[in-house]
Amino acid sequence: MPAQLSPPDAGGIAAGSQGSVSPSERTPG
């Protein structure tokens, strides 16, 4: 996996979201 994937981004990928998108946009709520 690309090193740019941070723990928050990894959570977004698990949800089926794009890792390139900012974690804040993929944060539930």
PDB file of N, CA and C in Angstrom:
ATOM      1  N   MET A   1       0.839  -1.202   0.000  1.00  0.00           N
ATOM      2  CA  MET A   1       0.000   0.000   0.000  1.00  0.00           C
ATOM      3  C   MET A   1       0.874   1.253   0.000  1.00  0.00           C
ATOM      4  N   PRO A   2       0.372   2.318  -0.603  1.00  0.00           N
ATOM      5  CA  PRO A   2       1.120   3.592  -0.611  1.00  0.00           C
ATOM      6  C   PRO A   2       1.352   4.099   0.803  1.00  0.00           C
ATOM      7  N   ALA A   3       2.520   4.690   1.033  1.00  0.00           N
ATOM      8  CA  ALA A   3       2.845   5.181   2.377  1.00  0.00           C
ATOM      9  C   ALA A   3       1.949   6.354   2.763  1.00  0.00           C
ATOM     10  N   GLN A   4       1.282   6.963   1.772  1.00  0.00           N
ATOM     11  CA  GLN A   4       0.464   8.139   2.058  1.00  0.00           C
ATOM     12  C   GLN A   4      -0.811   7.751   2.820  1.00  0.00           C
ATOM     13  N   LEU A   5      -1.116   6.462   2.855  1.00  0.00           N
ATOM     14  CA  LEU A   5      -2.325   6.039   3.547  1.00  0.00           C
ATOM     15  C   LEU A   5      -2.124   6.132   5.053  1.00  0.00           C
ATOM     16  N   SER A   6      -2.858   7.011   5.692  1.00  0.00           N
ATOM     17  CA  SER A   6      -2.774   7.178   7.144  1.00  0.00           C
ATOM     18  C   SER A   6      -3.862   6.326   7.792  1.00  0.00           C
ATOM     19  N   PRO A   7      -3.765   6.045   9.088  1.00  0.00           N
ATOM     20  CA  PRO A   7      -4.791   5.268   9.794  1.00  0.00           C
ATOM     21  C   PRO A   7      -6.215   5.763   9.518  1.00  0.00           C
ATOM     22  N   PRO A   8      -6.479   7.081   9.553  1.00  0.00           N
ATOM     23  CA  PRO A   8      -7.822   7.582   9.243  1.00  0.00           C
ATOM     24  C   PRO A   8      -8.216   7.236   7.815  1.00  0.00           C
ATOM     25  N   ASP A   9      -7.268   7.348   6.870  1.00  0.00           N
ATOM     26  CA  ASP A   9      -7.540   7.036   5.472  1.00  0.00           C
ATOM     27  C   ASP A   9      -7.816   5.549   5.310  1.00  0.00           C
ATOM     28  N   ALA A  10      -7.077   4.746   6.073  1.00  0.00           N
ATOM     29  CA  ALA A  10      -7.259   3.300   5.992  1.00  0.00           C
ATOM     30  C   ALA A  10      -8.692   2.947   6.387  1.00  0.00           C
ATOM     31  N   GLY A  11      -9.247   3.682   7.345  1.00  0.00           N
ATOM     32  CA  GLY A  11     -10.620   3.446   7.771  1.00  0.00           C
ATOM     33  C   GLY A  11     -11.583   3.771   6.644  1.00  0.00           C
ATOM     34  N   GLY A  12     -11.271   4.819   5.897  1.00  0.00           N
ATOM     35  CA  GLY A  12     -12.125   5.209   4.776  1.00  0.00           C
ATOM     36  C   GLY A  12     -12.090   4.154   3.689  1.00  0.00           C
ATOM     37  N   ILE A  13     -10.912   3.553   3.485  1.00  0.00           N
ATOM     38  CA  ILE A  13     -10.775   2.516   2.455  1.00  0.00           C
ATOM     39  C   ILE A  13     -11.565   1.282   2.868  1.00  0.00           C
ATOM     40  N   ALA A  14     -11.563   0.991   4.161  1.00  0.00           N
ATOM     41  CA  ALA A  14     -12.297  -0.166   4.657  1.00  0.00           C
ATOM     42  C   ALA A  14     -13.796   0.037   4.419  1.00  0.00           C
ATOM     43  N   ALA A  15     -14.221   1.294   4.418  1.00  0.00           N
ATOM     44  CA  ALA A  15     -15.626   1.612   4.205  1.00  0.00           C
ATOM     45  C   ALA A  15     -15.942   1.666   2.714  1.00  0.00           C
ATOM     46  N   GLY A  16     -14.910   1.508   1.878  1.00  0.00           N
ATOM     47  CA  GLY A  16     -15.112   1.526   0.438  1.00  0.00           C
ATOM     48  C   GLY A  16     -14.940   2.921  -0.130  1.00  0.00           C
ATOM     49  N   SER A  17     -14.303   3.810   0.620  1.00  0.00           N
ATOM     50  CA  SER A  17     -14.084   5.172   0.152  1.00  0.00           C
ATOM     51  C   SER A  17     -12.715   5.291  -0.497  1.00  0.00           C
ATOM     52  N   GLN A  18     -12.437   6.424  -1.143  1.00  0.00           N
ATOM     53  CA  GLN A  18     -11.137   6.631  -1.778  1.00  0.00           C
ATOM     54  C   GLN A  18     -10.134   7.118  -0.739  1.00  0.00           C
ATOM     55  N   GLY A  19      -8.944   6.502  -0.724  1.00  0.00           N
ATOM     56  CA  GLY A  19      -7.926   6.894   0.243  1.00  0.00           C
ATOM     57  C   GLY A  19      -7.359   8.262  -0.072  1.00  0.00           C
ATOM     58  N   SER A  20      -7.514   8.691  -1.356  1.00  0.00           N
ATOM     59  CA  SER A  20      -6.949   9.975  -1.758  1.00  0.00           C
ATOM     60  C   SER A  20      -7.759  11.133  -1.183  1.00  0.00           C
ATOM     61  N   VAL A  21      -8.989  10.841  -0.771  1.00  0.00           N
ATOM     62  CA  VAL A  21      -9.848  11.883  -0.220  1.00  0.00           C
ATOM     63  C   VAL A  21      -9.418  12.204   1.205  1.00  0.00           C
ATOM     64  N   SER A  22      -9.585  13.442   1.599  1.00  0.00           N
ATOM     65  CA  SER A  22      -9.173  13.868   2.944  1.00  0.00           C
ATOM     66  C   SER A  22      -9.923  13.061   4.006  1.00  0.00           C
ATOM     67  N   PRO A  23      -9.214  12.643   5.060  1.00  0.00           N
ATOM     68  CA  PRO A  23      -9.836  11.869   6.142  1.00  0.00           C
ATOM     69  C   PRO A  23     -11.039  12.586   6.742  1.00  0.00           C
ATOM     70  N   SER A  24     -10.982  13.901   6.794  1.00  0.00           N
ATOM     71  CA  SER A  24     -12.067  14.677   7.400  1.00  0.00           C
ATOM     72  C   SER A  24     -13.367  14.480   6.629  1.00  0.00           C
ATOM     73  N   GLU A  25     -13.257  14.303   5.301  1.00  0.00           N
ATOM     74  CA  GLU A  25     -14.459  14.113   4.493  1.00  0.00           C
ATOM     75  C   GLU A  25     -14.996  12.698   4.645  1.00  0.00           C
ATOM     76  N   ARG A  26     -14.124  11.779   5.082  1.00  0.00           N
ATOM     77  CA  ARG A  26     -14.523  10.380   5.229  1.00  0.00           C
ATOM     78  C   ARG A  26     -14.848  10.045   6.671  1.00  0.00           C
ATOM     79  N   THR A  27     -14.814  11.066   7.539  1.00  0.00           N
ATOM     80  CA  THR A  27     -15.110  10.818   8.951  1.00  0.00           C
ATOM     81  C   THR A  27     -16.624  10.708   9.151  1.00  0.00           C
ATOM     82  N   PRO A  28     -17.104   9.599   9.732  1.00  0.00           N
ATOM     83  CA  PRO A  28     -18.549   9.430   9.958  1.00  0.00           C
ATOM     84  C   PRO A  28     -19.125  10.544  10.827  1.00  0.00           C
ATOM     85  N   GLY A  29     -20.305  11.007  10.494  1.00  0.00           N
ATOM     86  CA  GLY A  29     -20.907  12.080  11.264  1.00  0.00           C
ATOM     87  C   GLY A  29     -20.719  13.380  10.541  1.00  0.00           C
TER      88      GLY A  29
END
